[in-house]
Amino acid sequence: MNKRKLQITNYGVLAFALALLLAGLFAGSAFAQDNTPTDDEVNVIAKQLYCPVCENTPLDVCPTEACRQWRELIRSQLAEGMTEDQIKQYFVDNYGARVLAEPPRTGLNWLVYLLPPAIILLGAFFLFRSFREWTKPKVEATGVGGERGETSSLKKDDYVARLEEELKKRK
């Protein structure tokens, strides 16, 4: 019976060693990381660039073959160790500043950032003034020559007094 226990123990140790060996083989390939950037890393940069060929289409969603090649170029540049700014500068150097999703804040491009808020504020100011004028009660102009104020109210009172006097005479 002792021999039987020893045999079971030997088979157990052998099975355990075989399991460790297999786990070591698969773990080595499972944990090995590829140096190629993922699609998410590529799309972070491609989202900030517009297709130089298609109008107003971000590079990350453009379906053309040229855009697919440019995304692959971004992937290879990331694999070489280039930074996001260097890759964007590469595209600006080759295709112009129009490929950037956000225009550079230099020169007349500042108008893109300053003009819309200024127009909105100016429009709000005029709208506010118009609402105030629409809700303000209007003063009626009466009398000859557009007289206003006390003199027009006196003339009106004189007119009413004469009218009442004539009506009393008729009765």
N, C-alpha and C. Protein backbone atom coordinates (compact mmCIF):
# COMPACT_ATOMS: atom_id res chain seq x y z
N MET A 1 0.81 -1.17 0.00
CA MET A 1 0.00 0.00 0.00
C MET A 1 0.87 1.25 0.00
N ASN A 2 1.98 1.21 0.60
CA ASN A 2 2.93 2.30 0.63
C ASN A 2 3.42 2.64 -0.78
N LYS A 3 3.62 1.58 -1.56
CA LYS A 3 4.08 1.77 -2.91
C LYS A 3 3.00 2.48 -3.74
N ARG A 4 1.76 2.16 -3.45
CA ARG A 4 0.62 2.77 -4.15
C ARG A 4 0.56 4.28 -3.84
N LYS A 5 0.75 4.68 -2.61
CA LYS A 5 0.74 6.09 -2.21
C LYS A 5 1.89 6.85 -2.87
N LEU A 6 3.03 6.19 -2.94
CA LEU A 6 4.20 6.81 -3.55
C LEU A 6 3.97 7.04 -5.04
N GLN A 7 3.31 6.11 -5.69
CA GLN A 7 3.00 6.23 -7.10
C GLN A 7 2.02 7.39 -7.34
N ILE A 8 1.00 7.51 -6.50
CA ILE A 8 0.01 8.59 -6.63
C ILE A 8 0.69 9.93 -6.40
N THR A 9 1.58 9.98 -5.45
CA THR A 9 2.30 11.21 -5.15
C THR A 9 3.19 11.59 -6.33
N ASN A 10 3.87 10.62 -6.92
CA ASN A 10 4.74 10.88 -8.07
C ASN A 10 3.93 11.41 -9.26
N TYR A 11 2.77 10.79 -9.50
CA TYR A 11 1.91 11.27 -10.59
C TYR A 11 1.39 12.69 -10.30
N GLY A 12 1.09 12.98 -9.07
CA GLY A 12 0.62 14.32 -8.68
C GLY A 12 1.70 15.37 -8.90
N VAL A 13 2.94 15.02 -8.49
CA VAL A 13 4.06 15.95 -8.67
C VAL A 13 4.32 16.15 -10.16
N LEU A 14 4.26 15.07 -10.92
CA LEU A 14 4.47 15.13 -12.36
C LEU A 14 3.39 16.00 -13.04
N ALA A 15 2.13 15.81 -12.65
CA ALA A 15 1.02 16.61 -13.21
C ALA A 15 1.20 18.08 -12.84
N PHE A 16 1.61 18.34 -11.61
CA PHE A 16 1.82 19.71 -11.16
C PHE A 16 2.96 20.37 -11.95
N ALA A 17 4.05 19.65 -12.18
CA ALA A 17 5.18 20.17 -12.93
C ALA A 17 4.78 20.43 -14.38
N LEU A 18 3.99 19.53 -14.94
CA LEU A 18 3.51 19.71 -16.31
C LEU A 18 2.60 20.95 -16.41
N ALA A 19 1.74 21.16 -15.43
CA ALA A 19 0.86 22.33 -15.40
C ALA A 19 1.68 23.61 -15.30
N LEU A 20 2.72 23.61 -14.45
CA LEU A 20 3.59 24.79 -14.34
C LEU A 20 4.31 25.09 -15.65
N LEU A 21 4.77 24.03 -16.30
CA LEU A 21 5.47 24.18 -17.57
C LEU A 21 4.55 24.80 -18.62
N LEU A 22 3.32 24.28 -18.73
CA LEU A 22 2.37 24.81 -19.70
C LEU A 22 1.98 26.25 -19.37
N ALA A 23 1.79 26.54 -18.09
CA ALA A 23 1.45 27.90 -17.68
C ALA A 23 2.58 28.86 -18.02
N GLY A 24 3.81 28.43 -17.85
CA GLY A 24 4.96 29.27 -18.18
C GLY A 24 5.06 29.54 -19.67
N LEU A 25 4.73 28.56 -20.50
CA LEU A 25 4.77 28.76 -21.95
C LEU A 25 3.71 29.76 -22.41
N PHE A 26 2.50 29.62 -21.88
CA PHE A 26 1.42 30.52 -22.30
C PHE A 26 1.55 31.90 -21.67
N ALA A 27 2.07 31.97 -20.48
CA ALA A 27 2.21 33.27 -19.80
C ALA A 27 3.21 34.15 -20.53
N GLY A 28 4.24 33.54 -21.08
CA GLY A 28 5.25 34.32 -21.79
C GLY A 28 4.67 35.00 -23.01
N SER A 29 3.81 34.33 -23.75
CA SER A 29 3.24 34.94 -24.94
C SER A 29 2.06 35.85 -24.58
N ALA A 30 1.40 35.59 -23.48
CA ALA A 30 0.25 36.40 -23.10
C ALA A 30 0.69 37.76 -22.57
N PHE A 31 1.81 37.85 -21.90
CA PHE A 31 2.24 39.09 -21.31
C PHE A 31 3.20 39.89 -22.18
N ALA A 32 3.58 39.33 -23.30
CA ALA A 32 4.48 40.07 -24.19
C ALA A 32 3.69 41.20 -24.84
N GLN A 33 4.23 42.42 -24.78
CA GLN A 33 3.52 43.56 -25.33
C GLN A 33 4.16 43.98 -26.64
N ASP A 34 3.29 44.29 -27.54
CA ASP A 34 3.74 44.75 -28.85
C ASP A 34 4.03 46.25 -28.77
N ASN A 35 4.99 46.71 -29.53
CA ASN A 35 5.38 48.12 -29.49
C ASN A 35 4.49 48.97 -30.39
N THR A 36 3.55 48.33 -31.11
CA THR A 36 2.66 49.05 -32.02
C THR A 36 1.58 49.79 -31.23
N PRO A 37 1.37 51.07 -31.51
CA PRO A 37 0.31 51.82 -30.82
C PRO A 37 -1.08 51.29 -31.18
N THR A 38 -2.00 51.41 -30.26
CA THR A 38 -3.36 50.93 -30.47
C THR A 38 -4.14 51.93 -31.32
N ASP A 39 -5.31 51.50 -31.79
CA ASP A 39 -6.17 52.39 -32.56
C ASP A 39 -6.60 53.59 -31.73
N ASP A 40 -6.82 53.37 -30.44
CA ASP A 40 -7.22 54.48 -29.57
C ASP A 40 -6.14 55.55 -29.49
N GLU A 41 -4.89 55.12 -29.38
CA GLU A 41 -3.78 56.08 -29.32
C GLU A 41 -3.65 56.85 -30.64
N VAL A 42 -3.86 56.15 -31.75
CA VAL A 42 -3.79 56.80 -33.06
C VAL A 42 -4.95 57.78 -33.21
N ASN A 43 -6.16 57.38 -32.79
CA ASN A 43 -7.34 58.23 -32.96
C ASN A 43 -7.32 59.46 -32.07
N VAL A 44 -6.59 59.42 -30.96
CA VAL A 44 -6.46 60.61 -30.12
C VAL A 44 -5.81 61.73 -30.93
N ILE A 45 -4.83 61.40 -31.73
CA ILE A 45 -4.15 62.40 -32.56
C ILE A 45 -4.96 62.67 -33.83
N ALA A 46 -5.49 61.61 -34.44
CA ALA A 46 -6.23 61.77 -35.69
C ALA A 46 -7.49 62.61 -35.49
N LYS A 47 -8.05 62.60 -34.30
CA LYS A 47 -9.24 63.39 -34.00
C LYS A 47 -8.92 64.89 -34.02
N GLN A 48 -7.67 65.24 -33.82
CA GLN A 48 -7.25 66.64 -33.77
C GLN A 48 -6.82 67.15 -35.15
N LEU A 49 -6.89 66.28 -36.15
CA LEU A 49 -6.48 66.66 -37.51
C LEU A 49 -7.65 66.47 -38.48
N TYR A 50 -7.71 67.31 -39.50
CA TYR A 50 -8.71 67.16 -40.54
C TYR A 50 -8.06 66.59 -41.78
N CYS A 51 -8.85 65.86 -42.53
CA CYS A 51 -8.37 65.25 -43.76
C CYS A 51 -7.94 66.34 -44.74
N PRO A 52 -6.71 66.28 -45.26
CA PRO A 52 -6.27 67.29 -46.22
C PRO A 52 -7.00 67.20 -47.56
N VAL A 53 -7.62 66.05 -47.86
CA VAL A 53 -8.30 65.86 -49.14
C VAL A 53 -9.80 66.14 -49.01
N CYS A 54 -10.45 65.51 -48.03
CA CYS A 54 -11.89 65.69 -47.82
C CYS A 54 -12.12 66.98 -47.05
N GLU A 55 -13.19 67.67 -47.37
CA GLU A 55 -13.45 68.94 -46.71
C GLU A 55 -14.20 68.71 -45.40
N ASN A 56 -13.73 69.31 -44.32
CA ASN A 56 -14.38 69.29 -43.01
C ASN A 56 -14.65 67.88 -42.48
N THR A 57 -13.72 66.97 -42.69
CA THR A 57 -13.87 65.61 -42.18
C THR A 57 -12.67 65.30 -41.27
N PRO A 58 -12.93 64.99 -40.00
CA PRO A 58 -11.81 64.62 -39.12
C PRO A 58 -11.11 63.36 -39.63
N LEU A 59 -9.83 63.31 -39.42
CA LEU A 59 -9.01 62.21 -39.93
C LEU A 59 -9.39 60.88 -39.30
N ASP A 60 -9.90 60.89 -38.08
CA ASP A 60 -10.21 59.62 -37.41
C ASP A 60 -11.47 58.95 -37.95
N VAL A 61 -12.34 59.67 -38.64
CA VAL A 61 -13.58 59.08 -39.16
C VAL A 61 -13.67 59.10 -40.67
N CYS A 62 -12.69 59.65 -41.34
CA CYS A 62 -12.71 59.74 -42.79
C CYS A 62 -12.54 58.34 -43.40
N PRO A 63 -13.44 57.95 -44.32
CA PRO A 63 -13.39 56.59 -44.86
C PRO A 63 -12.47 56.40 -46.06
N THR A 64 -11.80 57.43 -46.53
CA THR A 64 -11.00 57.30 -47.75
C THR A 64 -9.72 56.51 -47.49
N GLU A 65 -9.17 56.00 -48.56
CA GLU A 65 -7.92 55.23 -48.48
C GLU A 65 -6.76 56.12 -48.05
N ALA A 66 -6.77 57.38 -48.50
CA ALA A 66 -5.71 58.31 -48.13
C ALA A 66 -5.70 58.52 -46.61
N CYS A 67 -6.87 58.66 -46.03
CA CYS A 67 -6.94 58.86 -44.58
C CYS A 67 -6.49 57.62 -43.82
N ARG A 68 -6.82 56.45 -44.35
CA ARG A 68 -6.35 55.22 -43.71
C ARG A 68 -4.83 55.18 -43.72
N GLN A 69 -4.23 55.61 -44.83
CA GLN A 69 -2.76 55.64 -44.92
C GLN A 69 -2.19 56.67 -43.95
N TRP A 70 -2.85 57.82 -43.80
CA TRP A 70 -2.36 58.83 -42.86
C TRP A 70 -2.48 58.35 -41.41
N ARG A 71 -3.53 57.58 -41.12
CA ARG A 71 -3.63 57.01 -39.77
C ARG A 71 -2.51 56.00 -39.53
N GLU A 72 -2.17 55.24 -40.55
CA GLU A 72 -1.04 54.31 -40.43
C GLU A 72 0.27 55.05 -40.28
N LEU A 73 0.39 56.19 -40.95
CA LEU A 73 1.58 57.03 -40.79
C LEU A 73 1.69 57.52 -39.35
N ILE A 74 0.55 57.94 -38.78
CA ILE A 74 0.55 58.36 -37.37
C ILE A 74 0.96 57.20 -36.48
N ARG A 75 0.44 56.00 -36.77
CA ARG A 75 0.80 54.82 -35.97
C ARG A 75 2.30 54.56 -36.04
N SER A 76 2.89 54.65 -37.23
CA SER A 76 4.33 54.39 -37.36
C SER A 76 5.15 55.50 -36.68
N GLN A 77 4.67 56.74 -36.75
CA GLN A 77 5.39 57.83 -36.07
C GLN A 77 5.32 57.67 -34.55
N LEU A 78 4.18 57.20 -34.04
CA LEU A 78 4.08 56.94 -32.60
C LEU A 78 5.01 55.80 -32.19
N ALA A 79 5.09 54.77 -33.05
CA ALA A 79 5.98 53.65 -32.76
C ALA A 79 7.44 54.08 -32.76
N GLU A 80 7.78 55.09 -33.56
CA GLU A 80 9.15 55.61 -33.60
C GLU A 80 9.46 56.48 -32.39
N GLY A 81 8.42 56.85 -31.64
CA GLY A 81 8.64 57.64 -30.44
C GLY A 81 8.35 59.12 -30.59
N MET A 82 7.72 59.52 -31.69
CA MET A 82 7.39 60.93 -31.88
C MET A 82 6.25 61.32 -30.94
N THR A 83 6.26 62.57 -30.51
CA THR A 83 5.21 63.06 -29.62
C THR A 83 4.02 63.55 -30.45
N GLU A 84 2.93 63.81 -29.75
CA GLU A 84 1.71 64.30 -30.39
C GLU A 84 1.97 65.62 -31.12
N ASP A 85 2.68 66.53 -30.48
CA ASP A 85 2.97 67.83 -31.08
C ASP A 85 3.86 67.69 -32.32
N GLN A 86 4.82 66.78 -32.27
CA GLN A 86 5.70 66.57 -33.42
C GLN A 86 4.91 66.02 -34.61
N ILE A 87 3.97 65.12 -34.34
CA ILE A 87 3.17 64.54 -35.42
C ILE A 87 2.26 65.61 -36.03
N LYS A 88 1.64 66.41 -35.19
CA LYS A 88 0.78 67.48 -35.71
C LYS A 88 1.61 68.48 -36.51
N GLN A 89 2.80 68.79 -36.05
CA GLN A 89 3.68 69.71 -36.78
C GLN A 89 4.08 69.12 -38.13
N TYR A 90 4.30 67.80 -38.19
CA TYR A 90 4.61 67.13 -39.45
C TYR A 90 3.48 67.35 -40.46
N PHE A 91 2.23 67.17 -40.02
CA PHE A 91 1.10 67.36 -40.91
C PHE A 91 0.94 68.83 -41.31
N VAL A 92 1.19 69.75 -40.39
CA VAL A 92 1.12 71.18 -40.72
C VAL A 92 2.20 71.53 -41.74
N ASP A 93 3.40 71.00 -41.56
CA ASP A 93 4.49 71.29 -42.50
C ASP A 93 4.18 70.77 -43.90
N ASN A 94 3.51 69.62 -43.98
CA ASN A 94 3.24 69.01 -45.28
C ASN A 94 1.94 69.48 -45.93
N TYR A 95 0.91 69.80 -45.13
CA TYR A 95 -0.41 70.11 -45.69
C TYR A 95 -0.95 71.48 -45.29
N GLY A 96 -0.25 72.21 -44.46
CA GLY A 96 -0.70 73.53 -44.05
C GLY A 96 -1.50 73.49 -42.75
N ALA A 97 -1.74 74.67 -42.20
CA ALA A 97 -2.43 74.78 -40.91
C ALA A 97 -3.90 74.41 -41.00
N ARG A 98 -4.44 74.27 -42.22
CA ARG A 98 -5.86 73.94 -42.36
C ARG A 98 -6.17 72.52 -41.91
N VAL A 99 -5.16 71.67 -41.71
CA VAL A 99 -5.42 70.30 -41.25
C VAL A 99 -5.67 70.23 -39.75
N LEU A 100 -5.36 71.30 -39.03
CA LEU A 100 -5.56 71.29 -37.59
C LEU A 100 -7.03 71.52 -37.26
N ALA A 101 -7.55 70.74 -36.32
CA ALA A 101 -8.94 70.92 -35.89
C ALA A 101 -9.10 72.23 -35.14
N GLU A 102 -8.08 72.63 -34.42
CA GLU A 102 -8.09 73.90 -33.68
C GLU A 102 -7.02 74.79 -34.29
N PRO A 103 -7.44 75.93 -34.86
CA PRO A 103 -6.45 76.81 -35.50
C PRO A 103 -5.43 77.31 -34.48
N PRO A 104 -4.19 77.52 -34.93
CA PRO A 104 -3.18 78.04 -34.00
C PRO A 104 -3.55 79.44 -33.55
N ARG A 105 -3.24 79.78 -32.33
CA ARG A 105 -3.63 81.07 -31.76
C ARG A 105 -2.56 82.12 -32.05
N THR A 106 -2.40 82.42 -33.32
CA THR A 106 -1.44 83.43 -33.74
C THR A 106 -2.07 84.27 -34.83
N GLY A 107 -1.57 85.49 -34.98
CA GLY A 107 -2.02 86.37 -36.06
C GLY A 107 -3.51 86.63 -36.06
N LEU A 108 -4.10 86.57 -37.23
CA LEU A 108 -5.53 86.82 -37.38
C LEU A 108 -6.39 85.66 -36.86
N ASN A 109 -5.79 84.54 -36.56
CA ASN A 109 -6.56 83.42 -36.02
C ASN A 109 -7.18 83.75 -34.66
N TRP A 110 -6.65 84.77 -33.98
CA TRP A 110 -7.25 85.17 -32.70
C TRP A 110 -8.69 85.63 -32.89
N LEU A 111 -9.01 86.12 -34.08
CA LEU A 111 -10.39 86.54 -34.35
C LEU A 111 -11.37 85.38 -34.20
N VAL A 112 -10.92 84.18 -34.52
CA VAL A 112 -11.78 83.01 -34.39
C VAL A 112 -12.18 82.81 -32.92
N TYR A 113 -11.32 83.16 -32.01
CA TYR A 113 -11.58 82.97 -30.59
C TYR A 113 -12.28 84.18 -29.96
N LEU A 114 -12.02 85.39 -30.49
CA LEU A 114 -12.55 86.60 -29.87
C LEU A 114 -13.85 87.10 -30.50
N LEU A 115 -14.00 86.96 -31.81
CA LEU A 115 -15.14 87.53 -32.50
C LEU A 115 -16.48 86.91 -32.10
N PRO A 116 -16.64 85.59 -32.07
CA PRO A 116 -17.96 85.03 -31.70
C PRO A 116 -18.45 85.46 -30.31
N PRO A 117 -17.63 85.41 -29.25
CA PRO A 117 -18.16 85.89 -27.97
C PRO A 117 -18.50 87.38 -27.99
N ALA A 118 -17.72 88.18 -28.73
CA ALA A 118 -17.99 89.61 -28.80
C ALA A 118 -19.32 89.86 -29.51
N ILE A 119 -19.59 89.14 -30.57
CA ILE A 119 -20.85 89.29 -31.30
C ILE A 119 -22.03 88.86 -30.42
N ILE A 120 -21.87 87.78 -29.68
CA ILE A 120 -22.93 87.31 -28.79
C ILE A 120 -23.22 88.35 -27.71
N LEU A 121 -22.18 88.91 -27.10
CA LEU A 121 -22.38 89.93 -26.06
C LEU A 121 -23.03 91.19 -26.64
N LEU A 122 -22.60 91.61 -27.81
CA LEU A 122 -23.18 92.79 -28.45
C LEU A 122 -24.65 92.55 -28.78
N GLY A 123 -24.97 91.38 -29.31
CA GLY A 123 -26.36 91.05 -29.61
C GLY A 123 -27.21 91.00 -28.35
N ALA A 124 -26.68 90.46 -27.26
CA ALA A 124 -27.42 90.42 -25.99
C ALA A 124 -27.67 91.84 -25.48
N PHE A 125 -26.71 92.72 -25.63
CA PHE A 125 -26.87 94.11 -25.20
C PHE A 125 -28.01 94.79 -25.97
N PHE A 126 -28.00 94.67 -27.30
CA PHE A 126 -29.05 95.29 -28.11
C PHE A 126 -30.41 94.67 -27.85
N LEU A 127 -30.45 93.38 -27.64
CA LEU A 127 -31.71 92.70 -27.32
C LEU A 127 -32.26 93.19 -25.98
N PHE A 128 -31.40 93.35 -25.00
CA PHE A 128 -31.81 93.85 -23.69
C PHE A 128 -32.38 95.27 -23.81
N ARG A 129 -31.68 96.13 -24.57
CA ARG A 129 -32.16 97.50 -24.76
C ARG A 129 -33.50 97.52 -25.48
N SER A 130 -33.65 96.66 -26.48
CA SER A 130 -34.92 96.62 -27.21
C SER A 130 -36.06 96.17 -26.30
N PHE A 131 -35.83 95.17 -25.47
CA PHE A 131 -36.87 94.70 -24.55
C PHE A 131 -37.26 95.80 -23.58
N ARG A 132 -36.29 96.57 -23.11
CA ARG A 132 -36.59 97.66 -22.18
C ARG A 132 -37.45 98.72 -22.86
N GLU A 133 -37.16 99.04 -24.11
CA GLU A 133 -37.95 100.03 -24.84
C GLU A 133 -39.36 99.52 -25.12
N TRP A 134 -39.49 98.24 -25.42
CA TRP A 134 -40.81 97.69 -25.73
C TRP A 134 -41.72 97.66 -24.50
N THR A 135 -41.12 97.45 -23.33
CA THR A 135 -41.93 97.35 -22.12
C THR A 135 -42.15 98.69 -21.44
N LYS A 136 -41.43 99.74 -21.82
CA LYS A 136 -41.58 101.07 -21.22
C LYS A 136 -42.86 101.70 -21.76
N PRO A 137 -43.72 102.28 -20.88
CA PRO A 137 -44.93 102.93 -21.39
C PRO A 137 -44.57 104.16 -22.21
N LYS A 138 -45.33 104.38 -23.29
CA LYS A 138 -45.03 105.50 -24.18
C LYS A 138 -45.83 106.72 -23.74
N VAL A 139 -45.24 107.90 -23.84
CA VAL A 139 -45.88 109.17 -23.52
C VAL A 139 -46.61 109.64 -24.76
N GLU A 140 -47.91 109.97 -24.64
CA GLU A 140 -48.69 110.42 -25.79
C GLU A 140 -48.45 111.90 -26.04
N ALA A 141 -48.29 112.24 -27.28
CA ALA A 141 -48.11 113.64 -27.65
C ALA A 141 -49.45 114.20 -28.08
N THR A 142 -49.90 115.26 -27.39
CA THR A 142 -51.18 115.87 -27.75
C THR A 142 -50.98 117.36 -27.94
N GLY A 143 -51.91 117.98 -28.55
CA GLY A 143 -51.83 119.43 -28.74
C GLY A 143 -51.24 119.76 -30.09
N VAL A 144 -51.24 121.04 -30.38
CA VAL A 144 -50.73 121.52 -31.65
C VAL A 144 -49.22 121.63 -31.60
N GLY A 145 -48.56 121.18 -32.66
CA GLY A 145 -47.11 121.30 -32.73
C GLY A 145 -46.39 120.32 -31.84
N GLY A 146 -47.06 119.29 -31.36
CA GLY A 146 -46.41 118.25 -30.57
C GLY A 146 -46.03 118.70 -29.19
N GLU A 147 -46.78 119.65 -28.58
CA GLU A 147 -46.45 120.08 -27.23
C GLU A 147 -46.73 118.97 -26.26
N ARG A 148 -45.93 118.92 -25.21
CA ARG A 148 -46.08 117.87 -24.22
C ARG A 148 -46.11 118.47 -22.83
N GLY A 149 -46.40 117.65 -21.86
CA GLY A 149 -46.29 118.06 -20.47
C GLY A 149 -47.46 118.90 -20.01
N GLU A 150 -47.17 119.94 -19.22
CA GLU A 150 -48.19 120.74 -18.55
C GLU A 150 -49.08 121.50 -19.52
N THR A 151 -48.48 122.09 -20.52
CA THR A 151 -49.26 122.93 -21.43
C THR A 151 -50.30 122.10 -22.16
N SER A 152 -49.98 120.89 -22.56
CA SER A 152 -50.95 120.06 -23.27
C SER A 152 -52.08 119.63 -22.35
N SER A 153 -51.77 119.37 -21.09
CA SER A 153 -52.83 118.97 -20.16
C SER A 153 -53.74 120.15 -19.85
N LEU A 154 -53.19 121.38 -19.82
CA LEU A 154 -54.02 122.57 -19.60
C LEU A 154 -54.94 122.79 -20.79
N LYS A 155 -54.43 122.66 -21.99
CA LYS A 155 -55.26 122.84 -23.18
C LYS A 155 -56.34 121.79 -23.22
N LYS A 156 -56.01 120.58 -22.81
CA LYS A 156 -56.99 119.51 -22.80
C LYS A 156 -58.08 119.84 -21.78
N ASP A 157 -57.69 120.33 -20.61
CA ASP A 157 -58.67 120.68 -19.59
C ASP A 157 -59.58 121.82 -20.08
N ASP A 158 -59.01 122.80 -20.78
CA ASP A 158 -59.81 123.90 -21.33
C ASP A 158 -60.83 123.37 -22.33
N TYR A 159 -60.37 122.48 -23.14
CA TYR A 159 -61.25 121.89 -24.15
C TYR A 159 -62.40 121.14 -23.50
N VAL A 160 -62.09 120.34 -22.49
CA VAL A 160 -63.11 119.57 -21.79
C VAL A 160 -64.08 120.52 -21.08
N ALA A 161 -63.57 121.58 -20.50
CA ALA A 161 -64.42 122.54 -19.79
C ALA A 161 -65.37 123.23 -20.77
N ARG A 162 -64.87 123.65 -21.93
CA ARG A 162 -65.72 124.29 -22.92
C ARG A 162 -66.77 123.32 -23.45
N LEU A 163 -66.35 122.06 -23.66
CA LEU A 163 -67.28 121.06 -24.16
C LEU A 163 -68.41 120.85 -23.15
N GLU A 164 -68.07 120.73 -21.91
CA GLU A 164 -69.09 120.53 -20.88
C GLU A 164 -70.02 121.75 -20.78
N GLU A 165 -69.47 122.92 -20.93
CA GLU A 165 -70.25 124.16 -20.86
C GLU A 165 -71.26 124.22 -22.01
N GLU A 166 -70.85 123.87 -23.21
CA GLU A 166 -71.74 123.89 -24.36
C GLU A 166 -72.82 122.83 -24.23
N LEU A 167 -72.44 121.68 -23.66
CA LEU A 167 -73.44 120.63 -23.49
C LEU A 167 -74.51 121.07 -22.48
N LYS A 168 -74.13 121.83 -21.46
CA LYS A 168 -75.09 122.32 -20.47
C LYS A 168 -76.02 123.34 -21.09
N LYS A 169 -75.52 124.17 -22.00
CA LYS A 169 -76.34 125.19 -22.66
C LYS A 169 -77.40 124.52 -23.55
N ARG A 170 -77.11 123.43 -24.13
CA ARG A 170 -78.01 122.72 -25.04
C ARG A 170 -79.20 122.17 -24.28
N LYS A 171 -79.09 121.87 -23.08
CA LYS A 171 -80.16 121.23 -22.34
C LYS A 171 -81.18 122.17 -21.93
